[in-house]
Protein backbone atom coordinates (compact mmCIF):
# COMPACT_ATOMS: atom_id res chain seq x y z
CA MET A 1 71.30 21.41 -7.13
CA GLN A 2 71.17 22.52 -10.82
CA ARG A 3 69.79 19.08 -11.70
CA ILE A 4 67.00 19.55 -9.17
CA GLN A 5 66.26 23.05 -10.53
CA LYS A 6 66.08 21.71 -14.12
CA ILE A 7 63.65 18.98 -13.02
CA ALA A 8 61.50 21.56 -11.25
CA VAL A 9 61.39 23.70 -14.32
CA ILE A 10 60.40 20.86 -16.53
CA LEU A 11 57.63 19.83 -14.13
CA PHE A 12 56.38 23.40 -14.05
CA LEU A 13 56.29 23.61 -17.86
CA VAL A 14 54.46 20.29 -18.16
CA THR A 15 51.90 21.35 -15.64
CA ALA A 16 51.45 24.68 -17.33
CA LEU A 17 51.01 23.11 -20.71
CA ARG A 18 48.48 20.64 -19.34
CA GLY A 19 46.56 23.51 -17.88
CA PHE A 20 46.86 25.53 -21.10
CA ALA A 21 45.37 22.65 -23.05
CA TYR A 22 42.04 23.50 -21.51
CA TRP A 23 42.05 26.91 -23.14
CA GLU A 24 41.36 27.82 -26.75
CA TRP A 25 41.90 31.00 -28.78
CA THR A 26 38.70 32.44 -30.19
CA PRO A 27 39.29 34.94 -33.02
CA LYS A 28 35.69 36.23 -32.60
CA THR A 29 36.44 37.56 -29.12
CA GLY A 30 40.16 37.96 -29.49
CA ARG A 31 40.95 36.08 -26.28
CA TRP A 32 41.70 32.70 -24.76
CA VAL A 33 38.67 30.90 -23.27
CA ASN A 34 38.12 27.64 -21.39
CA PRO A 35 35.43 25.64 -23.32
CA LYS A 36 34.29 24.19 -20.00
CA TYR A 37 33.18 27.60 -18.80
CA ALA A 38 32.55 29.44 -22.06
CA VAL A 39 29.09 30.83 -22.73
CA GLN A 40 27.57 31.74 -26.04
CA GLU A 41 27.05 35.44 -26.82
CA THR A 42 23.25 35.23 -26.69
CA ALA A 43 20.73 33.16 -24.73
CA LYS A 44 19.32 31.83 -28.05
CA GLU A 45 22.75 30.54 -29.14
CA GLN A 46 23.34 29.06 -25.70
CA PHE A 47 19.99 27.23 -25.78
CA GLU A 48 20.63 25.91 -29.26
CA LEU A 49 24.00 24.62 -28.29
CA ALA A 50 22.56 22.84 -25.27
CA GLU A 51 19.78 21.34 -27.38
CA LYS A 52 22.27 20.20 -29.99
CA TYR A 53 24.15 18.21 -27.42
CA ARG A 54 20.86 16.81 -26.19
CA LYS A 55 19.85 15.71 -29.69
CA ASP A 56 23.30 14.11 -30.18
CA GLY A 57 22.87 12.10 -26.99
CA ALA A 58 25.54 13.99 -25.03
CA VAL A 59 23.29 14.28 -21.96
CA LYS A 60 25.89 15.50 -19.52
CA LYS A 61 27.04 18.26 -21.92
CA ALA A 62 23.43 19.21 -22.57
CA ILE A 63 22.69 19.60 -18.84
CA ALA A 64 25.93 21.63 -18.34
CA GLU A 65 25.04 23.99 -21.22
CA HIS A 66 21.48 24.49 -20.01
CA GLU A 67 22.69 25.18 -16.50
CA LYS A 68 25.11 27.82 -17.92
CA LEU A 69 22.12 29.47 -19.61
CA LEU A 70 20.25 29.65 -16.32
CA LYS A 71 23.32 31.08 -14.65
CA HIS A 72 24.23 33.70 -17.22
CA TYR A 73 20.85 34.46 -18.83
CA ALA A 74 18.46 33.98 -15.95
CA GLY A 75 16.18 36.79 -17.16
CA ALA A 76 15.98 35.65 -20.77
CA GLU A 77 12.89 34.09 -22.32
CA TYR A 78 15.03 31.00 -23.01
CA ALA A 79 15.60 30.45 -19.29
CA ALA A 80 12.14 28.88 -18.83
CA GLN A 81 12.74 26.69 -21.89
CA SER A 82 16.05 25.50 -20.41
CA CYS A 83 14.32 24.68 -17.13
CA PHE A 84 11.70 22.69 -19.06
CA ALA A 85 14.41 20.93 -21.07
CA LEU A 86 16.30 20.00 -17.91
CA GLY A 87 13.02 18.74 -16.38
CA GLU A 88 12.58 16.45 -19.39
CA ILE A 89 16.22 15.26 -19.28
CA TYR A 90 16.13 14.33 -15.65
CA GLN A 91 12.74 12.75 -16.05
CA SER A 92 14.19 10.55 -18.85
CA LEU A 93 17.03 9.63 -16.60
CA GLY A 94 14.61 8.51 -13.84
CA ASP A 95 15.46 11.32 -11.46
CA VAL A 96 11.85 12.52 -10.94
CA LYS A 97 12.71 14.60 -7.92
CA GLU A 98 15.19 16.74 -9.87
CA ALA A 99 12.85 16.90 -12.84
CA PHE A 100 10.02 18.13 -10.50
CA ASN A 101 12.35 20.80 -9.09
CA TYR A 102 13.16 22.18 -12.50
CA TYR A 103 9.52 22.29 -13.46
CA GLN A 104 8.85 24.15 -10.22
CA LYS A 105 11.49 26.73 -11.23
CA ILE A 106 9.32 27.65 -14.14
CA VAL A 107 6.28 28.04 -11.89
CA ASP A 108 8.16 30.16 -9.32
CA GLY A 109 10.51 32.10 -11.53
CA TYR A 110 8.75 32.44 -14.83
CA PRO A 111 4.96 32.61 -14.07
CA SER A 112 4.23 34.37 -17.35
CA SER A 113 5.87 31.68 -19.49
CA PRO A 114 3.62 29.66 -21.77
CA LEU A 115 5.28 26.58 -20.38
CA VAL A 116 3.81 26.98 -16.87
CA MET A 117 0.71 24.93 -17.46
CA GLU A 118 2.60 22.08 -19.09
CA ALA A 119 5.15 22.22 -16.22
CA VAL A 120 2.32 21.94 -13.66
CA LYS A 121 0.86 19.06 -15.69
CA ARG A 122 4.22 17.22 -15.63
CA GLN A 123 4.66 17.89 -11.87
CA SER A 124 1.12 16.52 -11.27
CA ALA A 125 1.88 13.32 -13.16
CA ILE A 126 5.14 12.82 -11.19
CA ALA A 127 3.47 13.56 -7.89
CA GLU A 128 0.65 11.14 -8.53
CA GLU A 129 3.07 8.41 -9.64
CA THR A 130 5.17 9.01 -6.51
CA LEU A 131 2.09 8.67 -4.29
CA GLN A 132 1.15 5.36 -5.81
CA LYS A 133 4.65 3.89 -5.51
CA SER A 134 5.34 1.46 -2.67
CA SER A 135 9.12 1.64 -2.49
CA ILE A 136 11.42 0.51 0.28
CA LYS A 137 13.33 3.76 -0.05
CA TYR A 138 10.44 5.61 1.62
CA LEU A 139 10.21 3.34 4.68
CA GLY A 140 10.31 5.53 7.81
CA ARG A 141 9.69 8.71 5.88
CA GLN A 142 6.52 8.08 3.94
CA GLU A 143 5.42 11.70 4.34
CA GLU A 144 8.11 12.69 1.83
CA ARG A 145 5.95 11.05 -0.88
CA GLY A 146 3.30 13.63 -0.21
CA LYS A 147 5.46 16.77 -0.49
CA MET A 148 5.37 16.88 -4.27
CA MET A 149 1.59 16.69 -4.47
CA GLU A 150 1.40 19.36 -1.70
CA THR A 151 3.52 21.60 -3.92
CA VAL A 152 1.27 20.95 -6.95
CA VAL A 153 -1.88 21.80 -4.96
CA GLU A 154 -0.35 24.96 -3.40
CA SER A 155 1.18 26.23 -6.66
CA HIS A 156 -2.00 25.71 -8.67
CA PRO A 157 -4.90 25.79 -6.14
CA TYR A 158 -7.67 26.45 -8.58
CA GLY A 159 -6.68 24.25 -11.47
CA GLU A 160 -9.46 22.16 -13.02
CA ASP A 161 -8.28 18.90 -11.51
CA THR A 162 -6.61 20.30 -8.39
CA PRO A 163 -9.45 19.29 -6.05
CA GLU A 164 -9.12 15.75 -7.32
CA LYS A 165 -5.33 15.86 -6.63
CA ALA A 166 -5.97 17.30 -3.17
CA ILE A 167 -8.33 14.48 -2.29
CA LEU A 168 -5.78 12.01 -3.52
CA LEU A 169 -3.21 13.67 -1.27
CA GLY A 170 -5.52 13.45 1.75
CA GLN A 171 -6.32 9.80 1.07
CA PHE A 172 -2.59 9.13 0.88
CA TYR A 173 -2.09 10.66 4.32
CA VAL A 174 -4.88 8.49 5.71
CA GLU A 175 -3.14 5.42 4.19
CA ILE A 176 0.08 6.16 5.98
CA GLU A 177 -1.88 7.13 9.17
CA GLU A 178 -0.84 10.78 9.15
CA PHE A 179 -4.40 11.67 10.19
CA GLY A 180 -3.61 15.23 11.26
CA LYS A 181 -2.37 16.10 7.77
CA ALA A 182 -5.18 14.26 6.12
CA LYS A 183 -7.80 16.24 8.12
CA GLU A 184 -6.08 19.50 7.29
CA VAL A 185 -6.19 18.63 3.57
CA PHE A 186 -9.94 17.66 3.59
CA GLU A 187 -10.95 20.64 5.70
CA GLY A 188 -9.08 22.92 3.27
CA ILE A 189 -10.92 21.36 0.30
CA ALA A 190 -14.32 21.72 1.96
CA THR A 191 -13.72 25.42 2.69
CA ARG A 192 -11.76 26.43 -0.51
CA TYR A 193 -13.92 25.05 -3.24
CA THR A 194 -17.53 25.57 -4.25
CA ASN A 195 -18.28 22.45 -6.22
CA PRO A 196 -20.95 20.59 -4.22
CA ALA A 197 -19.61 17.12 -5.30
CA VAL A 198 -16.10 18.02 -4.25
CA ILE A 199 -17.26 19.33 -0.85
CA GLU A 200 -19.37 16.19 -0.30
CA GLU A 201 -16.41 13.86 -1.11
CA ALA A 202 -14.10 15.98 1.14
CA LYS A 203 -16.54 15.80 4.09
CA TYR A 204 -16.95 12.06 3.70
CA ASN A 205 -13.21 11.57 3.70
CA LEU A 206 -12.84 13.86 6.70
CA ILE A 207 -15.31 11.69 8.70
CA ARG A 208 -13.38 8.61 7.67
CA ALA A 209 -10.05 10.14 8.70
CA GLU A 210 -11.41 11.28 12.10
CA PHE A 211 -12.99 7.82 12.70
CA LEU A 212 -9.76 5.96 11.88
CA GLU A 213 -7.87 8.35 14.17
CA THR A 214 -10.08 7.55 17.17
CA PRO A 215 -8.76 4.72 19.38
CA ASP A 216 -10.89 1.59 19.82
CA VAL A 217 -11.36 2.56 23.48
CA SER A 218 -10.96 5.98 24.85
CA LYS A 219 -11.77 7.66 28.11
CA ASP A 220 -12.17 10.96 26.20
CA THR A 221 -15.78 11.00 24.93
CA VAL A 222 -15.27 14.38 23.16
CA GLN A 223 -13.45 12.72 20.26
CA TYR A 224 -16.26 10.29 19.70
CA ALA A 225 -18.90 13.10 20.01
CA GLU A 226 -17.19 15.32 17.40
CA VAL A 227 -17.11 12.48 14.87
CA GLY A 228 -20.72 11.72 15.73
CA LYS A 229 -21.81 15.32 15.00
CA LYS A 230 -20.11 15.30 11.58
CA ILE A 231 -21.84 12.01 10.78
CA ASP A 232 -25.29 13.34 11.71
CA SER A 233 -24.71 16.53 9.74
CA PHE A 234 -23.52 14.61 6.70
CA LEU A 235 -26.52 12.25 6.66
CA LYS A 236 -28.90 15.22 6.87
CA LEU A 237 -27.14 17.22 4.15
CA TYR A 238 -26.65 14.34 1.74
CA PRO A 239 -29.55 11.90 2.14
CA GLU A 240 -28.90 10.49 -1.36
CA SER A 241 -25.09 10.43 -1.13
CA VAL A 242 -23.13 7.56 -2.70
CA TYR A 243 -21.14 7.58 0.53
CA ARG A 244 -24.25 7.30 2.74
CA GLN A 245 -23.97 3.56 3.48
CA ASP A 246 -20.22 3.96 4.28
CA VAL A 247 -20.99 6.76 6.71
CA ILE A 248 -23.76 4.72 8.38
CA SER A 249 -21.28 1.83 8.75
CA ILE A 250 -18.79 4.28 10.36
CA ARG A 251 -21.58 5.45 12.70
CA ASP A 252 -22.33 1.86 13.72
CA SER A 253 -18.69 1.09 14.33
CA LEU A 254 -18.34 4.25 16.34
CA SER A 255 -21.35 3.22 18.47
CA GLU A 256 -19.71 -0.14 19.09
CA ARG A 257 -16.47 1.64 20.29
CA GLU A 258 -18.55 3.91 22.62
CA ALA A 259 -20.52 0.99 23.90
CA LYS A 260 -17.38 -1.02 24.52
CA LYS A 261 -16.15 1.86 26.77
CA TYR A 262 -19.31 1.79 28.94
CA PHE A 263 -19.40 -1.98 28.92
CA GLU A 264 -15.83 -2.24 30.32
CA ILE A 265 -16.80 0.24 33.04
CA ALA A 266 -19.90 -1.80 33.92
CA VAL A 267 -17.89 -5.03 34.04
CA PHE A 268 -15.24 -3.38 36.27
CA TYR A 269 -17.90 -2.41 38.82
CA GLU A 270 -19.59 -5.80 38.59
CA ARG A 271 -16.37 -7.54 39.40
CA ALA A 272 -15.72 -5.14 42.21
CA GLY A 273 -19.04 -6.15 43.72
CA LYS A 274 -20.57 -2.76 43.13
CA LYS A 275 -23.83 -3.96 41.59
CA ASP A 276 -25.69 -0.65 41.58
CA ALA A 277 -22.89 1.16 39.71
CA ALA A 278 -22.61 -1.70 37.18
CA LYS A 279 -26.37 -1.74 36.66
CA TYR A 280 -26.31 2.04 36.03
CA TYR A 281 -23.81 1.64 33.11
CA TYR A 282 -25.66 -1.44 31.80
CA LYS A 283 -28.79 0.66 31.65
CA ILE A 284 -26.91 3.35 29.63
CA LEU A 285 -25.88 0.67 27.18
CA ALA A 286 -29.32 -0.79 26.86
CA GLN A 287 -31.01 2.55 26.35
CA ASP A 288 -28.51 4.47 24.24
CA TYR A 289 -26.83 1.63 22.30
CA PRO A 290 -29.52 -0.97 21.87
CA GLU A 291 -28.31 -2.03 18.40
CA THR A 292 -24.83 -2.81 19.43
CA GLU A 293 -23.67 -6.20 20.68
CA TYR A 294 -22.74 -4.61 24.06
CA GLY A 295 -26.17 -3.00 24.28
CA LYS A 296 -27.88 -6.32 23.71
CA THR A 297 -25.72 -8.11 26.27
CA ALA A 298 -26.38 -5.30 28.76
CA ALA A 299 -30.14 -5.65 28.24
CA LYS A 300 -29.96 -9.36 29.06
CA LYS A 301 -27.93 -8.66 32.18
CA ILE A 302 -30.48 -6.08 33.39
CA GLY A 303 -33.38 -8.47 32.60
CA ALA A 304 -31.63 -11.32 34.54
CA SER A 305 -31.07 -9.13 37.58
CA ASP A 306 -34.61 -7.74 37.68
């Protein structure tokens, strides 16, 4: 029994000494401190220590010391600088999401900091790069790629290049076939900004998004009609637009889709032996869609039957 007790005491002392090794006596404070959790007496000293580790290449220690500053000196002027430093560190490590988040902490928590504009600039660059990436890690959740740019646009809505970033975001949503989000972005641009060129580009992209959203054949004519109205309005407002020919091409394609719908109805009645009903729809095609292939075919059928 005594032997067991001696072993237990020895184990206790070894464990205690190991734990004690993490603590150091600091004459300045007159107490024992654990270096892992110790914080410098001022935010300035804490920041300088973190940056010293960073300069020496001790990245993990630099991150830990900057995070200590944010925890213990959140209201100090150096807090924004630590956020920026952490953003740079994570960006250099390739963790752009974490870098973006630290830059966002400056925008949200320290709006009066002189680093805000640079933080937004860094975020914008990260967001644009993320939109342009085609990585397998985004498969099945492509919309995540747009969240960073959404944050940039929302955080800095009236920045000089924000409309350009917003259009890029809308075009990205069109690319991944998130047409609802794309339309929301383009509509927001058209109503939020006053620059005529920006509004023109947004309206063109809105027409394109709505057109791509419409199915090749639909029983619902309202969707076709709404796009058609926007096309007519655009061509009247911007007769010299650089997008004019594209919009005309969209209008022609839309007419083909509408004509196809009526043509299929006419063919259905024709096969069912209901010649009058078929002729009625062929006439609609010939009169209202004469430039389409379906309209031309319908005109021939009407001529042959007469």
